[in-house]
Amino acid sequence: MDEMLKYLFLSFILLLTACKSSSSSDSQNINSSSDYDFSEADQLLAEFVSQNAEYDGVSYTLINREYGTLHEAAFGDHELDIVVLLASVSKVPAVMLLMALHEDPDLDFNINEPIATYLPWFGVYGDASTAQLLSNTSGIIGLEYRDNYGSHMCQFEDLPDLLGCAETLYTTELPHSVPPGTRFSYGGSQWQLAGAVAEVVGGASWGQLFDQYIAEPCELEVFLFGNPWANRYAWNGSPDSLIGQNNPNIEAGAISNMRDYAKLLQMVLNGGFCGSHQVLSEQSLAFMRSKRAESMLDEAYGMGWWIASAENGESPTLFFDTGAFGSIAWLDTEREYAGYLAVEAYNGEDISASIGMTKTRIIPLLEQVFDQKRVAAQ
């Protein structure tokens, strides 16, 4: 368990500081009418896999507001339909569900209200709102204090239900906790409590609610929340091997394939629509990206999204969601595109290599590609 938590905590550490040799690749432009050239990005990723023997492969997809999925590619032993453990790249989809519940007119739920309004127990964290849970500002200690979790470790266990663990979290005060809104502390129990709020107000399990509000309207084929941290080695790449679905780890327990994650990013770019279904409003999507806390370095935090600092005091336009196994999703609101890169660094590889390479080389290169297209269109 401690070893698995180490990988989860890596996603936080790398955000504050930041493959197996093969020549095979599978790359294609999905919408040729968009006329973008991503060959240089493909080459960088192919070289990354060939030059980093500890990585078996990498795959990525790019989505544009106007054209949809522009490009997808796989290198090394990855295939375009590979399913991976998302780790903290689960956070943005998790927040999407809570925002969908907030918007449902048939539910008496406000994401800004204290969670004591909704949870049925007498607890110690009732003053925090669900929005504060999801922005890591609830005052509950995050993953950097995981050695003090004690009974709160149930959030990483394969248990019969989420609410049983949530009651323990809600009624057991941890050391170093502070009043809501006074400190940013990444991850941990606050996210599991947000899942409990969803189950109580929605009247169903987390998995059932995610299917109802997100997966079904967006026609997702593979998107499940489980608890692989209970035994990460049970995961063999097949959705059938995902354990812990009755007590899913809300912040870091999902699995998905590249095309399904692309559908969620497309929904964001489309102003909340999956096809003709409005899953979220533009206001809720913007609410998720609003700065709620400063981290230790340059990046701020919204709800699920890390916010890259903008130059010259301008409004931020670049947002990230990164995971402890090396995957990363990002959104560029200025250029109206998004991306998702899948990595499977399950065995302790230095995931700063894949995340750092994406941030410092791939994304700047893609910015040039999209900017050149915009100039040519003028």
Protein backbone atom coordinates (compact mmCIF):
# COMPACT_ATOMS: atom_id res chain seq x y z
CA MET A 1 0.00 0.00 0.00
CA ASP A 2 2.77 2.47 0.90
CA GLU A 3 4.49 1.75 -2.42
CA MET A 4 1.30 2.44 -4.34
CA LEU A 5 0.71 5.68 -2.48
CA LYS A 6 4.21 6.74 -3.38
CA TYR A 7 3.23 6.68 -7.05
CA LEU A 8 0.05 8.66 -6.35
CA PHE A 9 2.00 11.29 -4.45
CA LEU A 10 4.48 11.58 -7.33
CA SER A 11 1.87 13.44 -9.38
CA PHE A 12 1.88 16.22 -6.78
CA ILE A 13 5.65 16.35 -6.39
CA LEU A 14 6.27 16.46 -10.13
CA LEU A 15 3.80 19.30 -10.62
CA LEU A 16 5.82 21.30 -8.17
CA THR A 17 9.12 20.53 -9.88
CA ALA A 18 8.34 20.18 -13.34
CA CYS A 19 10.63 3.62 -22.99
CA LYS A 20 11.43 0.53 -24.21
CA SER A 21 13.41 0.72 -27.50
CA SER A 22 11.14 0.30 -30.48
CA SER A 23 10.80 1.83 -33.91
CA SER A 24 7.18 0.82 -34.45
CA SER A 25 4.51 3.49 -34.59
CA ASP A 26 0.88 3.97 -35.57
CA SER A 27 0.05 7.53 -36.56
CA GLN A 28 -2.76 9.10 -38.49
CA ASN A 29 -4.48 12.41 -39.12
CA ILE A 30 -8.18 11.84 -38.50
CA ASN A 31 -9.46 14.93 -40.26
CA SER A 32 -7.28 15.75 -43.23
CA SER A 33 -9.36 18.84 -44.05
CA SER A 34 -7.78 20.53 -41.04
CA ASP A 35 -4.43 20.48 -42.86
CA TYR A 36 -2.22 20.43 -39.75
CA ASP A 37 1.23 18.86 -39.77
CA PHE A 38 2.02 16.97 -36.58
CA SER A 39 4.94 14.97 -37.98
CA GLU A 40 7.51 16.77 -35.85
CA ALA A 41 5.60 16.00 -32.67
CA ASP A 42 5.33 12.37 -33.78
CA GLN A 43 9.06 12.28 -34.34
CA LEU A 44 9.79 13.69 -30.88
CA LEU A 45 7.60 11.07 -29.24
CA ALA A 46 9.07 8.23 -31.30
CA GLU A 47 12.55 9.38 -30.28
CA PHE A 48 11.45 9.62 -26.66
CA VAL A 49 10.40 5.98 -26.63
CA SER A 50 13.52 4.78 -28.43
CA GLN A 51 15.84 6.78 -26.16
CA ASN A 52 14.18 5.92 -22.83
CA ALA A 53 14.47 2.20 -22.37
CA GLU A 54 12.31 2.17 -19.23
CA TYR A 55 9.24 3.26 -21.24
CA ASP A 56 7.45 0.60 -23.26
CA GLY A 57 5.42 3.06 -25.28
CA VAL A 58 3.43 6.26 -25.50
CA SER A 59 0.32 7.37 -27.36
CA TYR A 60 -1.45 10.68 -27.82
CA THR A 61 -4.42 12.38 -29.41
CA LEU A 62 -5.18 15.99 -30.39
CA ILE A 63 -8.67 17.49 -30.54
CA ASN A 64 -9.80 20.75 -32.11
CA ARG A 65 -13.03 22.64 -31.45
CA GLU A 66 -13.86 23.00 -35.14
CA TYR A 67 -12.64 19.72 -36.60
CA GLY A 68 -12.89 17.29 -33.69
CA THR A 69 -10.12 14.71 -33.37
CA LEU A 70 -7.31 15.88 -35.62
CA HIS A 71 -4.60 13.36 -34.93
CA GLU A 72 -3.74 10.27 -32.94
CA ALA A 73 -0.55 8.26 -32.77
CA ALA A 74 0.98 5.37 -30.83
CA PHE A 75 4.63 4.43 -30.41
CA GLY A 76 6.50 1.47 -28.95
CA ASP A 77 4.13 -1.22 -27.70
CA HIS A 78 1.15 1.14 -27.44
CA GLU A 79 -1.82 0.78 -29.73
CA LEU A 80 -4.46 3.39 -30.43
CA ASP A 81 -7.06 1.55 -28.34
CA ILE A 82 -4.85 0.95 -25.29
CA VAL A 83 -6.56 1.28 -21.90
CA VAL A 84 -4.44 2.71 -19.09
CA LEU A 85 -4.67 3.62 -15.43
CA LEU A 86 -5.22 7.38 -15.42
CA ALA A 87 -4.10 8.09 -11.84
CA SER A 88 -4.73 11.81 -11.20
CA VAL A 89 -5.82 12.41 -14.78
CA SER A 90 -9.07 11.08 -13.28
CA LYS A 91 -9.59 14.40 -11.51
CA VAL A 92 -11.07 16.49 -14.32
CA PRO A 93 -13.66 13.79 -15.22
CA ALA A 94 -14.51 13.42 -11.53
CA VAL A 95 -15.14 17.16 -11.22
CA MET A 96 -17.28 17.01 -14.36
CA LEU A 97 -19.65 14.64 -12.58
CA LEU A 98 -19.96 16.88 -9.52
CA MET A 99 -20.63 19.88 -11.77
CA ALA A 100 -23.30 17.90 -13.64
CA LEU A 101 -25.00 17.11 -10.32
CA HIS A 102 -24.78 20.78 -9.38
CA GLU A 103 -26.56 21.69 -12.62
CA ASP A 104 -29.31 19.07 -12.35
CA PRO A 105 -32.53 21.00 -11.57
CA ASP A 106 -34.08 17.89 -10.05
CA LEU A 107 -31.42 17.65 -7.33
CA ASP A 108 -31.14 19.85 -4.27
CA PHE A 109 -27.38 20.27 -4.51
CA ASN A 110 -25.13 23.30 -4.60
CA ILE A 111 -21.42 22.68 -4.99
CA ASN A 112 -20.66 25.79 -2.92
CA GLU A 113 -22.74 24.75 0.10
CA PRO A 114 -21.09 23.12 3.17
CA ILE A 115 -21.00 19.35 2.83
CA ALA A 116 -22.74 19.02 6.20
CA THR A 117 -25.86 20.03 4.24
CA TYR A 118 -25.76 16.69 2.42
CA LEU A 119 -23.86 14.08 4.42
CA PRO A 120 -25.95 12.13 6.97
CA TRP A 121 -23.30 11.86 9.69
CA PHE A 122 -22.16 14.14 12.46
CA GLY A 123 -18.61 14.89 11.40
CA VAL A 124 -15.62 17.20 11.71
CA TYR A 125 -15.31 18.54 8.16
CA GLY A 126 -18.84 19.71 7.50
CA ASP A 127 -17.90 23.38 7.03
CA ALA A 128 -16.02 22.66 3.81
CA SER A 129 -17.90 22.94 0.53
CA THR A 130 -17.70 20.37 -2.24
CA ALA A 131 -15.96 23.01 -4.38
CA GLN A 132 -13.30 23.30 -1.68
CA LEU A 133 -12.89 19.52 -1.58
CA LEU A 134 -12.31 19.49 -5.34
CA SER A 135 -9.89 22.42 -5.28
CA ASN A 136 -7.76 20.94 -2.47
CA THR A 137 -8.64 23.88 -0.22
CA SER A 138 -10.97 22.12 2.23
CA GLY A 139 -8.45 22.26 5.07
CA ILE A 140 -8.19 18.45 5.16
CA ILE A 141 -4.58 17.33 4.83
CA GLY A 142 -3.56 16.05 1.42
CA LEU A 143 -1.17 13.43 0.17
CA GLU A 144 1.92 15.11 1.54
CA TYR A 145 0.66 14.07 5.00
CA ARG A 146 -0.30 10.54 4.00
CA ASP A 147 1.82 8.99 6.76
CA ASN A 148 -0.71 10.46 9.20
CA TYR A 149 -3.80 9.06 7.50
CA GLY A 150 -4.42 6.12 9.84
CA SER A 151 -8.04 5.02 9.36
CA HIS A 152 -8.27 7.40 6.36
CA MET A 153 -6.29 4.79 4.42
CA CYS A 154 -9.64 3.16 3.63
CA GLN A 155 -9.82 5.43 0.57
CA PHE A 156 -7.14 3.23 -1.03
CA GLU A 157 -8.77 -0.12 -0.19
CA ASP A 158 -11.04 -2.51 -2.06
CA LEU A 159 -14.10 -2.22 0.20
CA PRO A 160 -17.79 -3.12 -0.19
CA ASP A 161 -18.90 0.51 -0.54
CA LEU A 162 -17.63 4.08 -0.71
CA LEU A 163 -20.00 5.50 1.91
CA GLY A 164 -18.68 3.24 4.66
CA CYS A 165 -15.18 4.59 4.12
CA ALA A 166 -16.49 8.14 3.74
CA GLU A 167 -18.15 8.01 7.15
CA THR A 168 -14.80 7.12 8.65
CA LEU A 169 -13.13 10.02 6.82
CA TYR A 170 -15.85 12.45 7.86
CA THR A 171 -15.94 11.50 11.53
CA THR A 172 -12.20 11.05 12.13
CA GLU A 173 -10.18 14.24 12.37
CA LEU A 174 -6.65 14.12 11.06
CA PRO A 175 -3.71 16.04 12.52
CA HIS A 176 -2.58 19.22 10.75
CA SER A 177 -6.05 19.98 9.42
CA VAL A 178 -6.93 23.68 9.16
CA PRO A 179 -10.15 25.66 8.53
CA PRO A 180 -11.55 25.49 4.98
CA GLY A 181 -10.12 27.97 2.52
CA THR A 182 -6.89 28.65 4.41
CA ARG A 183 -4.47 26.25 2.72
CA PHE A 184 -3.87 24.31 -0.49
CA SER A 185 -3.07 20.65 0.19
CA TYR A 186 -3.22 18.32 -2.80
CA GLY A 187 -5.38 15.21 -2.97
CA GLY A 188 -6.38 12.64 -0.40
CA SER A 189 -9.47 12.30 1.77
CA GLN A 190 -11.19 15.44 0.51
CA TRP A 191 -11.69 13.88 -2.92
CA GLN A 192 -13.20 10.72 -1.45
CA LEU A 193 -15.61 12.85 0.56
CA ALA A 194 -16.63 14.60 -2.66
CA GLY A 195 -17.48 11.18 -4.04
CA ALA A 196 -19.64 10.49 -0.99
CA VAL A 197 -21.50 13.78 -1.50
CA ALA A 198 -22.20 12.70 -5.08
CA GLU A 199 -23.57 9.33 -4.00
CA VAL A 200 -25.81 10.85 -1.32
CA VAL A 201 -27.31 13.64 -3.43
CA GLY A 202 -27.48 11.51 -6.57
CA GLY A 203 -29.00 8.47 -4.87
CA ALA A 204 -26.77 5.98 -6.66
CA SER A 205 -23.21 4.68 -6.70
CA TRP A 206 -20.40 6.78 -8.12
CA GLY A 207 -20.07 4.46 -11.10
CA GLN A 208 -23.80 4.57 -11.84
CA LEU A 209 -23.83 8.36 -11.60
CA PHE A 210 -20.82 8.74 -13.87
CA ASP A 211 -22.49 6.52 -16.43
CA GLN A 212 -25.76 8.46 -16.23
CA TYR A 213 -24.38 11.99 -16.35
CA ILE A 214 -21.14 11.62 -18.32
CA ALA A 215 -20.42 8.26 -19.98
CA GLU A 216 -23.81 7.62 -21.61
CA PRO A 217 -24.44 11.08 -23.11
CA CYS A 218 -20.85 11.20 -24.35
CA GLU A 219 -21.01 7.59 -25.63
CA LEU A 220 -17.92 6.47 -23.74
CA GLU A 221 -17.00 2.84 -24.28
CA VAL A 222 -14.31 2.43 -21.60
CA PHE A 223 -14.37 4.76 -18.62
CA LEU A 224 -14.53 3.16 -15.20
CA PHE A 225 -13.57 4.23 -11.69
CA GLY A 226 -12.03 1.61 -9.43
CA ASN A 227 -9.38 1.41 -6.74
CA PRO A 228 -6.21 0.01 -8.31
CA TRP A 229 -4.23 1.39 -5.36
CA ALA A 230 -5.55 -1.52 -3.28
CA ASN A 231 -3.41 -3.81 -5.45
CA ARG A 232 -1.92 -2.13 -8.49
CA TYR A 233 -0.49 -5.45 -9.69
CA ALA A 234 -4.00 -6.81 -10.23
CA TRP A 235 -4.25 -4.53 -13.27
CA ASN A 236 -3.34 -6.33 -16.51
CA GLY A 237 -4.58 -3.82 -19.07
CA SER A 238 -8.07 -5.27 -19.35
CA PRO A 239 -11.04 -3.36 -17.88
CA ASP A 240 -12.14 -6.64 -16.29
CA SER A 241 -9.08 -6.52 -14.05
CA LEU A 242 -9.93 -3.17 -12.45
CA ILE A 243 -10.58 -3.85 -8.77
CA GLY A 244 -12.26 -1.69 -6.15
CA GLN A 245 -15.22 -0.43 -8.15
CA ASN A 246 -17.48 -0.44 -5.08
CA ASN A 247 -15.10 1.94 -3.27
CA PRO A 248 -13.56 3.76 -6.23
CA ASN A 249 -10.70 6.16 -5.61
CA ILE A 250 -12.29 9.38 -6.82
CA GLU A 251 -9.16 11.40 -7.44
CA ALA A 252 -7.03 8.76 -9.11
CA GLY A 253 -8.87 5.50 -9.78
CA ALA A 254 -10.17 5.71 -13.34
CA ILE A 255 -9.24 3.82 -16.48
CA SER A 256 -9.95 4.83 -20.05
CA ASN A 257 -8.77 4.57 -23.62
CA MET A 258 -7.49 7.45 -25.69
CA ARG A 259 -10.59 7.99 -27.81
CA ASP A 260 -12.94 8.11 -24.84
CA TYR A 261 -10.79 10.67 -23.05
CA ALA A 262 -10.75 12.63 -26.31
CA LYS A 263 -14.55 12.72 -26.23
CA LEU A 264 -14.47 14.43 -22.84
CA LEU A 265 -11.97 16.99 -24.09
CA GLN A 266 -14.12 17.52 -27.17
CA MET A 267 -17.07 18.16 -24.87
CA VAL A 268 -15.08 20.90 -23.13
CA LEU A 269 -14.15 22.47 -26.45
CA ASN A 270 -17.77 22.26 -27.61
CA GLY A 271 -19.04 24.32 -24.70
CA GLY A 272 -20.31 21.32 -22.75
CA PHE A 273 -21.99 19.41 -25.58
CA CYS A 274 -21.43 15.75 -26.44
CA GLY A 275 -23.16 15.65 -29.80
CA SER A 276 -26.65 17.04 -29.18
CA HIS A 277 -26.50 16.38 -25.43
CA GLN A 278 -25.52 19.29 -23.23
CA VAL A 279 -23.60 17.60 -20.44
CA LEU A 280 -22.30 20.78 -18.80
CA SER A 281 -22.81 24.48 -19.28
CA GLU A 282 -20.01 26.77 -20.41
CA GLN A 283 -20.32 28.45 -17.02
CA SER A 284 -19.55 25.19 -15.20
CA LEU A 285 -16.57 24.49 -17.46
CA ALA A 286 -15.21 27.97 -16.78
CA PHE A 287 -15.90 27.49 -13.06
CA MET A 288 -13.64 24.43 -13.10
CA ARG A 289 -10.82 26.51 -14.60
CA SER A 290 -11.16 29.47 -12.22
CA LYS A 291 -8.16 29.90 -9.93
CA ARG A 292 -8.90 28.82 -6.38
CA ALA A 293 -5.43 28.33 -4.96
CA GLU A 294 -1.76 28.99 -5.58
CA SER A 295 0.64 26.04 -5.48
CA MET A 296 4.22 26.27 -4.26
CA LEU A 297 5.55 27.23 -7.66
CA ASP A 298 4.12 28.91 -10.75
CA GLU A 299 0.99 26.86 -11.37
CA ALA A 300 -2.32 27.71 -9.72
CA TYR A 301 -5.20 25.28 -9.22
CA GLY A 302 -8.86 25.36 -10.14
CA MET A 303 -10.98 22.22 -9.74
CA GLY A 304 -9.24 19.29 -11.41
CA TRP A 305 -7.20 21.60 -13.64
CA TRP A 306 -3.75 22.99 -12.92
CA ILE A 307 -3.49 26.47 -14.39
CA ALA A 308 -0.33 27.53 -16.21
CA SER A 309 0.85 31.05 -15.51
CA ALA A 310 0.20 33.52 -18.31
CA GLU A 311 2.65 36.20 -19.39
CA ASN A 312 2.19 39.92 -18.77
CA GLY A 313 -0.66 39.40 -16.33
CA GLU A 314 -3.02 38.14 -19.02
CA SER A 315 -5.76 35.62 -18.32
CA PRO A 316 -4.48 32.02 -18.35
CA THR A 317 -5.28 29.90 -21.39
CA LEU A 318 -3.36 26.67 -20.72
CA PHE A 319 -4.59 24.03 -18.28
CA PHE A 320 -3.25 20.59 -17.27
CA ASP A 321 -4.33 17.42 -15.49
CA THR A 322 -1.37 15.13 -14.82
CA GLY A 323 -1.11 11.64 -13.31
CA ALA A 324 1.32 9.62 -11.23
CA PHE A 325 1.83 7.05 -14.00
CA GLY A 326 3.01 9.66 -16.50
CA SER A 327 -0.16 10.52 -18.45
CA ILE A 328 -1.25 14.10 -19.02
CA ALA A 329 -4.28 15.91 -20.43
CA TRP A 330 -4.21 19.56 -21.40
CA LEU A 331 -6.49 22.29 -22.71
CA ASP A 332 -5.54 25.41 -24.67
CA THR A 333 -8.51 27.78 -24.70
CA GLU A 334 -6.72 30.37 -26.84
CA ARG A 335 -5.99 27.95 -29.69
CA GLU A 336 -9.18 25.98 -29.08
CA TYR A 337 -7.53 22.58 -28.94
CA ALA A 338 -6.83 19.92 -26.33
CA GLY A 339 -4.56 16.92 -26.01
CA TYR A 340 -4.15 13.72 -24.07
CA LEU A 341 -0.97 11.66 -23.81
CA ALA A 342 -1.04 8.15 -22.31
CA VAL A 343 1.92 6.61 -20.51
CA GLU A 344 2.15 3.47 -18.37
CA ALA A 345 4.97 4.15 -15.91
CA TYR A 346 3.60 1.61 -13.44
CA ASN A 347 6.89 0.29 -12.09
CA GLY A 348 8.47 3.39 -10.58
CA GLU A 349 9.85 5.02 -13.70
CA ASP A 350 10.68 8.71 -13.50
CA ILE A 351 7.44 10.16 -14.82
CA SER A 352 8.96 13.63 -14.89
CA ALA A 353 10.45 12.51 -18.22
CA SER A 354 7.10 12.09 -19.98
CA ILE A 355 5.29 14.97 -18.28
CA GLY A 356 8.25 17.32 -18.55
CA MET A 357 8.79 16.44 -22.19
CA THR A 358 5.12 17.10 -22.95
CA LYS A 359 5.13 20.46 -21.21
CA THR A 360 8.47 21.76 -22.41
CA ARG A 361 8.72 20.31 -25.93
CA ILE A 362 5.47 18.85 -27.28
CA ILE A 363 3.07 21.60 -26.22
CA PRO A 364 5.30 24.50 -27.37
CA LEU A 365 5.73 22.73 -30.71
CA LEU A 366 1.98 22.26 -31.06
CA GLU A 367 1.44 25.92 -30.23
CA GLN A 368 3.61 26.79 -33.23
CA VAL A 369 1.62 24.44 -35.46
CA PHE A 370 -1.71 25.95 -34.43
CA ASP A 371 -0.40 29.51 -34.59
CA GLN A 372 0.94 28.98 -38.10
CA LYS A 373 -2.46 27.66 -39.14
CA ARG A 374 -4.18 30.72 -37.66
CA VAL A 375 -1.83 33.10 -39.45
CA ALA A 376 -2.29 31.28 -42.75
CA ALA A 377 -6.07 31.52 -42.38
CA GLN A 378 -6.02 35.29 -41.96
